[in-house]
């Protein structure tokens, strides 16, 4: 199963790729893809890393699972392939951007445009079986993506981490808040957003202000 991953990440994560748990994980994923319909397509499993090199990463957004419906997942958290209807969480993300920054609601739900500006869109679990959310959890992906977060936290400075919802907030323990900038809020899913835990968090303007204060180029959300 050929996968695409930027050479900078290959170098940073080489020791992780050589660990026994990762070997078991690869065997599990290969077996799943050979037996069932799984998402995203094999070439896109590491798309978050392929579109956002290690040295270029400025912002990290952490999701949980890829979308499990046909044609949705493209390897970037919260993102869908071109022309696919926007899932509810993504709709609420775009609504908050619209209110926060005064920009029009976008037609495309493909967030590659963010990744290419230095936003690492990292799901904790990088694969899923079709129509079975959580089906690839606790197989090794979380150990791998925790190692990614730790690597960024240790090797880089002044990264903006956007942690949305209880699951993502737990990752704050992997990050030194003295070296980095951690913004937390409720999840953009309708359940959380409609209870007042998402809208009005102004994470997108706050993130850009942090980047600007660091003399870093802000993100065109």
N, C-alpha and C. Protein backbone atom coordinates (compact mmCIF):
# COMPACT_ATOMS: atom_id res chain seq x y z
N UNK A 1 0.85 -1.19 0.00
CA UNK A 1 0.00 0.00 0.00
C UNK A 1 0.89 1.26 0.00
N UNK A 2 1.02 1.93 -1.15
CA UNK A 2 1.89 3.12 -1.19
C UNK A 2 1.27 4.28 -0.42
N UNK A 3 2.08 4.95 0.39
CA UNK A 3 1.60 6.14 1.11
C UNK A 3 2.52 7.31 0.79
N UNK A 4 1.98 8.51 0.89
CA UNK A 4 2.76 9.72 0.63
C UNK A 4 2.99 10.45 1.95
N UNK A 5 4.26 10.74 2.25
CA UNK A 5 4.59 11.48 3.47
C UNK A 5 5.82 12.33 3.19
N UNK A 6 5.77 13.58 3.59
CA UNK A 6 6.87 14.50 3.31
C UNK A 6 8.16 14.00 3.95
N UNK A 7 9.28 14.19 3.23
CA UNK A 7 10.58 13.66 3.69
C UNK A 7 10.98 14.19 5.06
N UNK A 8 10.56 15.43 5.41
CA UNK A 8 10.92 16.00 6.72
C UNK A 8 10.31 15.18 7.85
N UNK A 9 9.12 14.66 7.66
CA UNK A 9 8.46 13.84 8.67
C UNK A 9 9.07 12.44 8.73
N UNK A 10 9.43 11.92 7.57
CA UNK A 10 10.10 10.60 7.55
C UNK A 10 11.33 10.64 8.44
N UNK A 11 12.07 11.73 8.33
CA UNK A 11 13.30 11.89 9.12
C UNK A 11 12.98 12.02 10.61
N UNK A 12 12.00 12.85 10.94
CA UNK A 12 11.65 13.10 12.34
C UNK A 12 11.05 11.88 13.03
N UNK A 13 10.35 11.05 12.26
CA UNK A 13 9.59 9.94 12.86
C UNK A 13 10.22 8.57 12.59
N UNK A 14 11.42 8.57 12.05
CA UNK A 14 12.07 7.30 11.67
C UNK A 14 12.12 6.30 12.83
N UNK A 15 12.51 6.78 14.02
CA UNK A 15 12.62 5.85 15.16
C UNK A 15 11.24 5.29 15.53
N UNK A 16 10.18 6.10 15.35
CA UNK A 16 8.82 5.64 15.64
C UNK A 16 8.41 4.54 14.66
N UNK A 17 8.73 4.75 13.38
CA UNK A 17 8.39 3.77 12.34
C UNK A 17 9.07 2.43 12.58
N UNK A 18 10.18 2.44 13.32
CA UNK A 18 10.96 1.20 13.54
C UNK A 18 10.53 0.44 14.80
N UNK A 19 9.60 0.99 15.56
CA UNK A 19 9.19 0.33 16.81
C UNK A 19 8.24 -0.84 16.53
N UNK A 20 8.26 -1.87 17.39
CA UNK A 20 7.41 -3.05 17.16
C UNK A 20 5.92 -2.73 17.04
N UNK A 21 5.43 -1.80 17.87
CA UNK A 21 3.98 -1.49 17.81
C UNK A 21 3.59 -0.97 16.43
N UNK A 22 4.50 -0.19 15.79
CA UNK A 22 4.17 0.38 14.48
C UNK A 22 4.13 -0.71 13.42
N UNK A 23 4.99 -1.69 13.54
CA UNK A 23 4.97 -2.83 12.63
C UNK A 23 3.64 -3.58 12.75
N UNK A 24 3.18 -3.78 13.98
CA UNK A 24 1.88 -4.44 14.20
C UNK A 24 0.74 -3.60 13.63
N UNK A 25 0.84 -2.28 13.82
CA UNK A 25 -0.18 -1.37 13.30
C UNK A 25 -0.26 -1.45 11.78
N UNK A 26 0.89 -1.43 11.12
CA UNK A 26 0.92 -1.52 9.65
C UNK A 26 0.27 -2.82 9.18
N UNK A 27 0.58 -3.91 9.84
CA UNK A 27 -0.02 -5.20 9.46
C UNK A 27 -1.53 -5.18 9.65
N UNK A 28 -1.98 -4.58 10.74
CA UNK A 28 -3.42 -4.47 10.99
C UNK A 28 -4.10 -3.65 9.89
N UNK A 29 -3.51 -2.49 9.57
CA UNK A 29 -4.11 -1.59 8.56
C UNK A 29 -4.14 -2.27 7.19
N UNK A 30 -3.07 -2.94 6.82
CA UNK A 30 -3.03 -3.64 5.53
C UNK A 30 -4.12 -4.70 5.45
N UNK A 31 -4.29 -5.45 6.54
CA UNK A 31 -5.32 -6.50 6.59
C UNK A 31 -6.72 -5.90 6.48
N UNK A 32 -6.95 -4.80 7.19
CA UNK A 32 -8.26 -4.12 7.15
C UNK A 32 -8.59 -3.62 5.75
N UNK A 33 -7.60 -2.98 5.11
CA UNK A 33 -7.83 -2.43 3.77
C UNK A 33 -8.02 -3.53 2.74
N UNK A 34 -7.39 -4.68 2.97
CA UNK A 34 -7.55 -5.82 2.05
C UNK A 34 -8.90 -6.51 2.23
N UNK A 35 -9.49 -6.41 3.42
CA UNK A 35 -10.70 -7.16 3.76
C UNK A 35 -11.97 -6.31 3.70
N UNK A 36 -11.86 -5.04 4.11
CA UNK A 36 -13.02 -4.16 4.20
C UNK A 36 -12.80 -2.87 3.41
N UNK A 37 -13.87 -2.12 3.22
CA UNK A 37 -13.73 -0.76 2.72
C UNK A 37 -13.29 0.11 3.87
N UNK A 38 -12.18 0.82 3.70
CA UNK A 38 -11.65 1.69 4.75
C UNK A 38 -11.35 3.07 4.18
N UNK A 39 -11.31 4.04 5.06
CA UNK A 39 -11.01 5.42 4.66
C UNK A 39 -9.91 6.01 5.54
N UNK A 40 -9.15 6.98 5.02
CA UNK A 40 -9.14 7.47 3.63
C UNK A 40 -8.47 6.45 2.73
N UNK A 41 -8.38 6.74 1.44
CA UNK A 41 -7.68 5.82 0.55
C UNK A 41 -6.22 5.73 1.01
N UNK A 42 -5.59 4.60 0.72
CA UNK A 42 -4.25 4.32 1.23
C UNK A 42 -3.25 5.44 1.01
N UNK A 43 -3.27 6.02 -0.17
CA UNK A 43 -2.29 7.07 -0.49
C UNK A 43 -2.47 8.32 0.36
N UNK A 44 -3.66 8.47 0.98
CA UNK A 44 -3.95 9.68 1.76
C UNK A 44 -3.82 9.49 3.28
N UNK A 45 -3.44 8.30 3.72
CA UNK A 45 -3.38 8.04 5.17
C UNK A 45 -2.49 9.06 5.88
N UNK A 46 -1.38 9.41 5.26
CA UNK A 46 -0.44 10.37 5.87
C UNK A 46 -0.51 11.75 5.20
N UNK A 47 -1.66 12.07 4.63
CA UNK A 47 -1.81 13.35 3.90
C UNK A 47 -1.53 14.57 4.79
N UNK A 48 -1.89 14.49 6.07
CA UNK A 48 -1.64 15.62 6.98
C UNK A 48 -0.16 15.97 7.00
N UNK A 49 0.68 14.93 6.97
CA UNK A 49 2.13 15.12 7.01
C UNK A 49 2.68 15.49 5.64
N UNK A 50 2.03 15.00 4.60
CA UNK A 50 2.54 15.25 3.26
C UNK A 50 2.32 16.71 2.83
N UNK A 51 1.21 17.29 3.26
CA UNK A 51 0.88 18.66 2.86
C UNK A 51 1.47 19.72 3.78
N UNK A 52 1.98 19.30 4.95
CA UNK A 52 2.48 20.26 5.94
C UNK A 52 3.81 19.76 6.49
N UNK A 53 4.93 20.16 5.89
CA UNK A 53 6.25 19.70 6.35
C UNK A 53 6.51 20.05 7.81
N UNK A 54 7.37 19.29 8.45
CA UNK A 54 7.67 19.48 9.87
C UNK A 54 8.12 20.91 10.18
N UNK A 55 9.07 21.43 9.41
CA UNK A 55 9.63 22.76 9.68
C UNK A 55 8.63 23.87 9.38
N UNK A 56 7.64 23.58 8.52
CA UNK A 56 6.66 24.60 8.13
C UNK A 56 5.46 24.67 9.08
N UNK A 57 5.34 23.69 9.98
CA UNK A 57 4.17 23.63 10.87
C UNK A 57 4.15 24.82 11.83
N UNK A 58 3.03 25.53 11.84
CA UNK A 58 2.83 26.69 12.72
C UNK A 58 1.66 26.47 13.68
N UNK A 59 0.68 25.70 13.19
CA UNK A 59 -0.57 25.47 13.93
C UNK A 59 -0.87 23.98 13.88
N UNK A 60 -1.39 23.44 14.99
CA UNK A 60 -1.81 22.03 15.01
C UNK A 60 -3.27 21.97 15.46
N UNK A 61 -4.11 21.31 14.65
CA UNK A 61 -5.50 21.05 15.02
C UNK A 61 -5.64 19.54 15.16
N UNK A 62 -6.22 19.10 16.28
CA UNK A 62 -6.30 17.65 16.56
C UNK A 62 -7.76 17.19 16.47
N UNK A 63 -7.98 16.21 15.60
CA UNK A 63 -9.28 15.55 15.50
C UNK A 63 -9.19 14.16 16.10
N UNK A 64 -10.26 13.38 15.92
CA UNK A 64 -10.28 12.05 16.54
C UNK A 64 -10.17 10.94 15.50
N UNK A 65 -11.19 10.78 14.66
CA UNK A 65 -11.25 9.73 13.64
C UNK A 65 -11.46 10.36 12.26
N UNK A 66 -11.03 9.70 11.19
CA UNK A 66 -11.44 10.17 9.86
C UNK A 66 -12.95 10.00 9.68
N UNK A 67 -13.53 10.75 8.77
CA UNK A 67 -14.93 10.52 8.40
C UNK A 67 -15.07 9.11 7.84
N UNK A 68 -16.21 8.48 8.11
CA UNK A 68 -16.37 7.07 7.74
C UNK A 68 -17.39 6.85 6.63
N UNK A 69 -17.83 7.96 5.99
CA UNK A 69 -18.76 7.84 4.87
C UNK A 69 -18.03 7.85 3.53
N UNK A 70 -18.68 7.35 2.46
CA UNK A 70 -18.03 7.26 1.15
C UNK A 70 -17.54 8.61 0.63
N UNK A 71 -16.30 8.63 0.19
CA UNK A 71 -15.75 9.81 -0.48
C UNK A 71 -15.49 11.03 0.39
N UNK A 72 -15.64 10.90 1.70
CA UNK A 72 -15.46 12.07 2.57
C UNK A 72 -13.99 12.29 2.95
N UNK A 73 -13.41 11.34 3.66
CA UNK A 73 -12.08 11.53 4.28
C UNK A 73 -10.98 11.73 3.24
N UNK A 74 -10.09 12.69 3.50
CA UNK A 74 -8.94 12.89 2.61
C UNK A 74 -7.62 12.94 3.38
N UNK A 75 -7.64 12.45 4.63
CA UNK A 75 -6.41 12.36 5.41
C UNK A 75 -6.10 13.58 6.26
N UNK A 76 -6.95 14.60 6.21
CA UNK A 76 -6.79 15.80 7.02
C UNK A 76 -7.99 15.90 7.95
N UNK A 77 -7.78 16.15 9.24
CA UNK A 77 -8.92 16.17 10.16
C UNK A 77 -9.89 17.28 9.79
N UNK A 78 -11.17 16.98 9.92
CA UNK A 78 -12.31 17.88 9.64
C UNK A 78 -12.49 18.18 8.15
N UNK A 79 -11.57 17.76 7.31
CA UNK A 79 -11.58 18.09 5.89
C UNK A 79 -12.29 17.01 5.08
N UNK A 80 -12.93 17.43 3.98
CA UNK A 80 -13.52 16.47 3.04
C UNK A 80 -12.98 16.71 1.64
N UNK A 81 -13.15 15.72 0.80
CA UNK A 81 -12.69 15.85 -0.57
C UNK A 81 -13.52 16.90 -1.31
N UNK A 82 -12.93 17.41 -2.38
CA UNK A 82 -13.56 18.44 -3.21
C UNK A 82 -14.94 18.00 -3.66
N UNK A 83 -15.92 18.90 -3.54
CA UNK A 83 -17.26 18.62 -4.05
C UNK A 83 -18.14 17.81 -3.12
N UNK A 84 -17.61 17.39 -1.97
CA UNK A 84 -18.39 16.59 -1.01
C UNK A 84 -19.14 17.54 -0.07
N UNK A 85 -20.43 17.25 0.22
CA UNK A 85 -21.16 18.11 1.17
C UNK A 85 -20.44 18.21 2.50
N UNK A 86 -20.53 19.38 3.12
CA UNK A 86 -19.79 19.61 4.37
C UNK A 86 -20.48 18.91 5.54
N UNK A 87 -19.75 18.09 6.30
CA UNK A 87 -20.33 17.48 7.51
C UNK A 87 -20.63 18.55 8.56
N UNK A 88 -21.48 18.22 9.54
CA UNK A 88 -21.93 19.22 10.52
C UNK A 88 -20.80 19.94 11.26
N UNK A 89 -19.75 19.22 11.70
CA UNK A 89 -18.65 19.88 12.43
C UNK A 89 -17.95 20.91 11.54
N UNK A 90 -17.74 20.54 10.29
CA UNK A 90 -17.06 21.45 9.37
C UNK A 90 -17.94 22.68 9.09
N UNK A 91 -19.23 22.47 8.97
CA UNK A 91 -20.15 23.61 8.80
C UNK A 91 -19.99 24.59 9.96
N UNK A 92 -19.93 24.05 11.18
CA UNK A 92 -19.81 24.93 12.36
C UNK A 92 -18.44 25.61 12.43
N UNK A 93 -17.40 24.94 11.96
CA UNK A 93 -16.07 25.57 11.88
C UNK A 93 -16.14 26.76 10.93
N UNK A 94 -16.71 26.54 9.76
CA UNK A 94 -16.80 27.61 8.76
C UNK A 94 -17.70 28.76 9.24
N UNK A 95 -18.75 28.43 9.98
CA UNK A 95 -19.64 29.49 10.52
C UNK A 95 -18.89 30.35 11.53
N UNK A 96 -18.06 29.72 12.36
CA UNK A 96 -17.28 30.48 13.35
C UNK A 96 -16.25 31.37 12.65
N UNK A 97 -15.61 30.84 11.61
CA UNK A 97 -14.65 31.65 10.84
C UNK A 97 -15.36 32.86 10.22
N UNK A 98 -16.55 32.59 9.68
CA UNK A 98 -17.34 33.65 9.05
C UNK A 98 -17.63 34.78 10.04
N UNK A 99 -18.06 34.40 11.25
CA UNK A 99 -18.38 35.39 12.29
C UNK A 99 -17.12 36.05 12.84
N UNK A 100 -16.10 35.25 13.08
CA UNK A 100 -14.87 35.72 13.72
C UNK A 100 -14.08 36.65 12.80
N UNK A 101 -13.96 36.28 11.54
CA UNK A 101 -13.09 37.03 10.63
C UNK A 101 -13.83 37.81 9.55
N UNK A 102 -15.15 37.60 9.47
CA UNK A 102 -15.93 38.33 8.47
C UNK A 102 -15.66 37.89 7.04
N UNK A 103 -15.24 36.62 6.87
CA UNK A 103 -14.98 36.12 5.51
C UNK A 103 -16.16 35.27 5.04
N UNK A 104 -16.39 35.19 3.73
CA UNK A 104 -17.53 34.41 3.24
C UNK A 104 -17.39 32.92 3.53
N UNK A 105 -18.54 32.27 3.67
CA UNK A 105 -18.55 30.80 3.86
C UNK A 105 -18.00 30.17 2.58
N UNK A 106 -16.99 29.26 2.69
CA UNK A 106 -16.35 28.71 1.48
C UNK A 106 -17.17 27.61 0.81
N UNK A 107 -16.98 27.46 -0.48
CA UNK A 107 -17.65 26.38 -1.22
C UNK A 107 -16.99 25.04 -0.94
N UNK A 108 -15.65 25.05 -0.88
CA UNK A 108 -14.92 23.79 -0.73
C UNK A 108 -14.65 23.45 0.72
N UNK A 109 -14.88 22.18 1.07
CA UNK A 109 -14.55 21.69 2.41
C UNK A 109 -13.19 21.02 2.46
N UNK A 110 -12.43 21.12 1.37
CA UNK A 110 -11.08 20.54 1.32
C UNK A 110 -10.12 21.52 1.99
N UNK A 111 -9.53 21.10 3.10
CA UNK A 111 -8.69 21.99 3.90
C UNK A 111 -7.19 21.89 3.56
N UNK A 112 -6.90 21.33 2.39
CA UNK A 112 -5.49 21.30 1.96
C UNK A 112 -4.92 22.72 1.93
N UNK A 113 -5.77 23.70 1.63
CA UNK A 113 -5.31 25.09 1.58
C UNK A 113 -4.78 25.56 2.93
N UNK A 114 -5.34 25.03 4.03
CA UNK A 114 -4.81 25.35 5.37
C UNK A 114 -3.49 24.63 5.59
N UNK A 115 -3.47 23.33 5.25
CA UNK A 115 -2.27 22.51 5.48
C UNK A 115 -1.06 23.11 4.77
N UNK A 116 -1.28 23.63 3.58
CA UNK A 116 -0.16 24.18 2.81
C UNK A 116 0.33 25.52 3.35
N UNK A 117 -0.41 26.08 4.31
CA UNK A 117 0.04 27.31 4.98
C UNK A 117 0.69 27.01 6.34
N UNK A 118 0.79 25.72 6.69
CA UNK A 118 1.45 25.35 7.95
C UNK A 118 0.53 24.88 9.05
N UNK A 119 -0.70 24.46 8.69
CA UNK A 119 -1.64 23.92 9.67
C UNK A 119 -1.62 22.39 9.58
N UNK A 120 -1.12 21.74 10.63
CA UNK A 120 -1.12 20.27 10.67
C UNK A 120 -2.49 19.81 11.16
N UNK A 121 -3.23 19.15 10.27
CA UNK A 121 -4.60 18.72 10.56
C UNK A 121 -4.56 17.23 10.92
N UNK A 122 -4.33 16.96 12.19
CA UNK A 122 -3.95 15.63 12.68
C UNK A 122 -5.10 14.92 13.37
N UNK A 123 -5.57 13.83 12.78
CA UNK A 123 -6.48 12.94 13.50
C UNK A 123 -5.67 12.03 14.43
N UNK A 124 -6.21 11.74 15.61
CA UNK A 124 -5.52 10.84 16.55
C UNK A 124 -5.44 9.43 15.98
N UNK A 125 -6.47 9.03 15.23
CA UNK A 125 -6.51 7.75 14.53
C UNK A 125 -6.57 8.05 13.05
N UNK A 126 -5.67 7.48 12.27
CA UNK A 126 -5.54 7.92 10.86
C UNK A 126 -6.36 7.11 9.87
N UNK A 127 -6.98 6.02 10.33
CA UNK A 127 -7.79 5.19 9.42
C UNK A 127 -9.07 4.76 10.14
N UNK A 128 -10.05 4.30 9.33
CA UNK A 128 -11.32 3.84 9.90
C UNK A 128 -11.99 2.90 8.89
N UNK A 129 -12.75 1.94 9.41
CA UNK A 129 -13.55 1.08 8.54
C UNK A 129 -14.83 1.82 8.15
N UNK A 130 -15.27 1.65 6.92
CA UNK A 130 -16.47 2.34 6.43
C UNK A 130 -17.66 2.12 7.36
N UNK A 131 -18.34 3.20 7.71
CA UNK A 131 -19.57 3.19 8.51
C UNK A 131 -19.39 2.64 9.93
N UNK A 132 -18.12 2.54 10.39
CA UNK A 132 -17.87 2.03 11.74
C UNK A 132 -16.93 2.99 12.49
N UNK A 133 -17.47 4.09 12.98
CA UNK A 133 -16.61 5.06 13.68
C UNK A 133 -15.89 4.40 14.86
N UNK A 134 -14.62 4.74 15.02
CA UNK A 134 -13.84 4.20 16.13
C UNK A 134 -13.30 2.81 15.90
N UNK A 135 -13.54 2.24 14.72
CA UNK A 135 -13.17 0.84 14.47
C UNK A 135 -11.66 0.60 14.44
N UNK A 136 -10.87 1.64 14.22
CA UNK A 136 -9.41 1.47 14.21
C UNK A 136 -8.74 2.14 15.40
N UNK A 137 -9.52 2.44 16.42
CA UNK A 137 -8.94 2.99 17.64
C UNK A 137 -8.28 1.88 18.45
N UNK A 138 -7.29 2.27 19.27
CA UNK A 138 -6.60 1.36 20.18
C UNK A 138 -5.90 0.21 19.46
N UNK A 139 -5.40 0.53 18.26
CA UNK A 139 -4.60 -0.44 17.50
C UNK A 139 -3.16 0.04 17.34
N UNK A 140 -2.87 1.23 17.88
CA UNK A 140 -1.52 1.77 17.77
C UNK A 140 -1.44 3.17 17.21
N UNK A 141 -2.52 3.60 16.53
CA UNK A 141 -2.49 4.96 15.95
C UNK A 141 -2.32 6.03 17.01
N UNK A 142 -3.00 5.87 18.14
CA UNK A 142 -2.92 6.91 19.18
C UNK A 142 -1.51 7.04 19.74
N UNK A 143 -0.82 5.91 19.88
CA UNK A 143 0.57 5.95 20.34
C UNK A 143 1.44 6.72 19.33
N UNK A 144 1.18 6.47 18.06
CA UNK A 144 1.95 7.14 17.00
C UNK A 144 1.65 8.65 16.99
N UNK A 145 0.38 9.03 17.01
CA UNK A 145 0.05 10.46 16.90
C UNK A 145 0.41 11.22 18.18
N UNK A 146 0.38 10.54 19.33
CA UNK A 146 0.90 11.17 20.56
C UNK A 146 2.39 11.46 20.42
N UNK A 147 3.11 10.52 19.78
CA UNK A 147 4.54 10.72 19.56
C UNK A 147 4.78 11.90 18.62
N UNK A 148 3.89 12.08 17.65
CA UNK A 148 3.99 13.23 16.73
C UNK A 148 3.82 14.54 17.51
N UNK A 149 2.79 14.59 18.37
CA UNK A 149 2.55 15.80 19.16
C UNK A 149 3.74 16.10 20.07
N UNK A 150 4.26 15.05 20.71
CA UNK A 150 5.44 15.23 21.59
C UNK A 150 6.64 15.73 20.80
N UNK A 151 6.85 15.19 19.61
CA UNK A 151 7.98 15.58 18.77
C UNK A 151 7.89 17.07 18.41
N UNK A 152 6.70 17.51 18.02
CA UNK A 152 6.51 18.94 17.69
C UNK A 152 6.75 19.78 18.94
N UNK A 153 6.16 19.34 20.06
CA UNK A 153 6.27 20.10 21.32
C UNK A 153 7.71 20.22 21.79
N UNK A 154 8.50 19.18 21.56
CA UNK A 154 9.90 19.17 22.03
C UNK A 154 10.84 19.90 21.07
N UNK A 155 10.65 19.69 19.78
CA UNK A 155 11.61 20.17 18.80
C UNK A 155 11.33 21.58 18.29
N UNK A 156 10.09 22.03 18.42
CA UNK A 156 9.70 23.33 17.87
C UNK A 156 9.33 24.28 19.01
N UNK A 157 9.18 25.56 18.68
CA UNK A 157 8.75 26.58 19.65
C UNK A 157 7.58 27.38 19.09
N UNK A 158 6.77 27.91 19.98
CA UNK A 158 5.70 28.84 19.59
C UNK A 158 4.74 28.28 18.54
N UNK A 159 4.40 27.00 18.69
CA UNK A 159 3.35 26.41 17.86
C UNK A 159 2.00 26.71 18.52
N UNK A 160 0.98 27.02 17.71
CA UNK A 160 -0.37 27.24 18.23
C UNK A 160 -1.14 25.92 18.13
N UNK A 161 -1.55 25.38 19.27
CA UNK A 161 -2.34 24.15 19.30
C UNK A 161 -3.80 24.50 19.55
N UNK A 162 -4.69 24.08 18.65
CA UNK A 162 -6.13 24.30 18.81
C UNK A 162 -6.75 22.97 19.24
N UNK A 163 -7.18 22.92 20.49
CA UNK A 163 -7.71 21.69 21.08
C UNK A 163 -9.20 21.85 21.31
N UNK A 164 -9.99 21.17 20.51
CA UNK A 164 -11.45 21.32 20.51
C UNK A 164 -12.11 20.06 21.06
N UNK A 165 -12.81 20.20 22.16
CA UNK A 165 -13.52 19.06 22.75
C UNK A 165 -12.66 18.30 23.75
N UNK A 166 -13.32 17.48 24.55
CA UNK A 166 -12.67 16.76 25.64
C UNK A 166 -11.52 15.88 25.20
N UNK A 167 -11.70 15.18 24.09
CA UNK A 167 -10.65 14.27 23.61
C UNK A 167 -9.38 15.05 23.28
N UNK A 168 -9.51 16.11 22.50
CA UNK A 168 -8.34 16.89 22.09
C UNK A 168 -7.69 17.59 23.29
N UNK A 169 -8.52 18.07 24.22
CA UNK A 169 -7.98 18.79 25.39
C UNK A 169 -7.03 17.91 26.21
N UNK A 170 -7.26 16.60 26.20
CA UNK A 170 -6.38 15.68 26.95
C UNK A 170 -4.95 15.71 26.41
N UNK A 171 -4.80 16.11 25.15
CA UNK A 171 -3.46 16.14 24.54
C UNK A 171 -2.63 17.30 25.09
N UNK A 172 -3.24 18.21 25.82
CA UNK A 172 -2.49 19.34 26.41
C UNK A 172 -1.39 18.85 27.33
N UNK A 173 -1.58 17.68 27.92
CA UNK A 173 -0.57 17.14 28.84
C UNK A 173 0.73 16.78 28.12
N UNK A 174 0.69 16.68 26.80
CA UNK A 174 1.89 16.34 26.01
C UNK A 174 2.66 17.60 25.57
N UNK A 175 2.09 18.77 25.89
CA UNK A 175 2.61 20.03 25.35
C UNK A 175 3.07 20.95 26.47
N UNK A 176 4.25 21.53 26.35
CA UNK A 176 4.76 22.50 27.32
C UNK A 176 4.13 23.86 27.03
N UNK A 177 3.24 24.30 27.91
CA UNK A 177 2.52 25.55 27.67
C UNK A 177 3.41 26.79 27.82
N UNK A 178 4.60 26.60 28.34
CA UNK A 178 5.54 27.73 28.43
C UNK A 178 6.23 27.97 27.08
N UNK A 179 6.32 26.91 26.27
CA UNK A 179 6.97 27.01 24.95
C UNK A 179 5.98 27.26 23.82
N UNK A 180 4.72 26.89 24.07
CA UNK A 180 3.72 26.89 22.99
C UNK A 180 2.46 27.62 23.42
N UNK A 181 1.52 27.75 22.50
CA UNK A 181 0.27 28.48 22.74
C UNK A 181 -0.88 27.49 22.58
N UNK A 182 -1.63 27.26 23.65
CA UNK A 182 -2.71 26.27 23.64
C UNK A 182 -4.05 26.98 23.77
N UNK A 183 -4.91 26.81 22.75
CA UNK A 183 -6.26 27.37 22.77
C UNK A 183 -7.25 26.22 22.86
N UNK A 184 -8.16 26.27 23.83
CA UNK A 184 -9.13 25.18 24.01
C UNK A 184 -10.55 25.72 23.92
N UNK A 185 -11.45 24.85 23.47
CA UNK A 185 -12.88 25.19 23.47
C UNK A 185 -13.66 23.89 23.34
N UNK A 186 -14.99 24.02 23.31
CA UNK A 186 -15.82 22.86 23.02
C UNK A 186 -15.60 22.41 21.59
N UNK A 187 -16.15 21.25 21.27
CA UNK A 187 -16.01 20.67 19.93
C UNK A 187 -17.00 21.34 18.97
N UNK A 188 -16.65 21.45 17.68
CA UNK A 188 -17.59 22.06 16.74
C UNK A 188 -18.77 21.18 16.33
N UNK A 189 -18.87 19.97 16.86
CA UNK A 189 -20.03 19.13 16.55
C UNK A 189 -21.31 19.79 17.03
N UNK A 190 -22.44 19.53 16.36
CA UNK A 190 -23.70 20.19 16.76
C UNK A 190 -24.04 20.02 18.23
N UNK A 191 -23.77 18.83 18.79
CA UNK A 191 -24.10 18.57 20.20
C UNK A 191 -23.43 19.59 21.12
N UNK A 192 -22.15 19.84 20.89
CA UNK A 192 -21.39 20.78 21.71
C UNK A 192 -21.68 22.22 21.30
N UNK A 193 -21.68 22.47 19.98
CA UNK A 193 -21.85 23.84 19.48
C UNK A 193 -23.19 24.43 19.89
N UNK A 194 -24.24 23.61 19.82
CA UNK A 194 -25.59 24.10 20.13
C UNK A 194 -25.81 24.30 21.63
N UNK A 195 -24.88 23.81 22.43
CA UNK A 195 -24.97 24.04 23.89
C UNK A 195 -24.08 25.21 24.30
N UNK A 196 -23.53 25.91 23.31
CA UNK A 196 -22.79 27.14 23.60
C UNK A 196 -21.32 26.95 23.87
N UNK A 197 -20.75 25.77 23.51
CA UNK A 197 -19.35 25.49 23.83
C UNK A 197 -18.40 25.71 22.65
N UNK A 198 -18.94 26.13 21.50
CA UNK A 198 -18.09 26.31 20.32
C UNK A 198 -18.14 27.73 19.78
N UNK A 199 -19.35 28.18 19.43
CA UNK A 199 -19.47 29.48 18.77
C UNK A 199 -18.99 30.61 19.68
N UNK A 200 -18.22 31.52 19.07
CA UNK A 200 -17.71 32.66 19.83
C UNK A 200 -16.35 32.42 20.44
N UNK A 201 -15.72 31.27 20.15
CA UNK A 201 -14.40 31.03 20.74
C UNK A 201 -13.31 31.91 20.11
N UNK A 202 -13.55 32.40 18.92
CA UNK A 202 -12.64 33.31 18.21
C UNK A 202 -11.22 32.75 18.08
N UNK A 203 -11.14 31.45 17.94
CA UNK A 203 -9.83 30.82 17.84
C UNK A 203 -9.05 31.23 16.59
N UNK A 204 -9.77 31.55 15.53
CA UNK A 204 -9.09 31.82 14.25
C UNK A 204 -8.43 33.21 14.26
N UNK A 205 -9.13 34.19 14.80
CA UNK A 205 -8.51 35.51 14.92
C UNK A 205 -7.43 35.52 16.01
N UNK A 206 -7.68 34.78 17.11
CA UNK A 206 -6.68 34.70 18.19
C UNK A 206 -5.40 34.04 17.70
N UNK A 207 -5.57 32.95 16.95
CA UNK A 207 -4.41 32.26 16.38
C UNK A 207 -3.62 33.20 15.48
N UNK A 208 -4.31 33.93 14.63
CA UNK A 208 -3.62 34.85 13.72
C UNK A 208 -2.92 35.98 14.46
N UNK A 209 -3.52 36.43 15.56
CA UNK A 209 -2.86 37.49 16.35
C UNK A 209 -1.56 36.95 16.96
N UNK A 210 -1.61 35.71 17.48
CA UNK A 210 -0.39 35.09 18.04
C UNK A 210 0.69 35.00 16.97
N UNK A 211 0.31 34.52 15.79
CA UNK A 211 1.29 34.39 14.71
C UNK A 211 1.86 35.75 14.30
N UNK A 212 0.98 36.75 14.24
CA UNK A 212 1.43 38.09 13.86
C UNK A 212 2.40 38.65 14.91
N UNK A 213 2.08 38.44 16.19
CA UNK A 213 2.96 38.92 17.27
C UNK A 213 4.32 38.23 17.23
N UNK A 214 4.36 37.03 16.66
CA UNK A 214 5.62 36.28 16.51
C UNK A 214 6.33 36.64 15.20
N UNK A 215 5.80 37.65 14.50
CA UNK A 215 6.30 38.03 13.16
C UNK A 215 6.22 36.87 12.18
N UNK A 216 5.16 36.09 12.36
CA UNK A 216 4.91 34.93 11.50
C UNK A 216 3.72 35.24 10.61
N UNK A 217 3.70 34.67 9.44
CA UNK A 217 2.60 34.92 8.51
C UNK A 217 1.32 34.29 9.04
N UNK A 218 0.23 35.08 9.08
CA UNK A 218 -1.03 34.55 9.58
C UNK A 218 -1.65 33.59 8.55
N UNK A 219 -2.65 32.83 9.00
CA UNK A 219 -3.30 31.84 8.15
C UNK A 219 -4.49 32.47 7.44
N UNK A 220 -4.63 32.23 6.16
CA UNK A 220 -5.84 32.63 5.44
C UNK A 220 -6.84 31.49 5.62
N UNK A 221 -7.71 31.66 6.60
CA UNK A 221 -8.68 30.61 6.93
C UNK A 221 -9.80 30.58 5.90
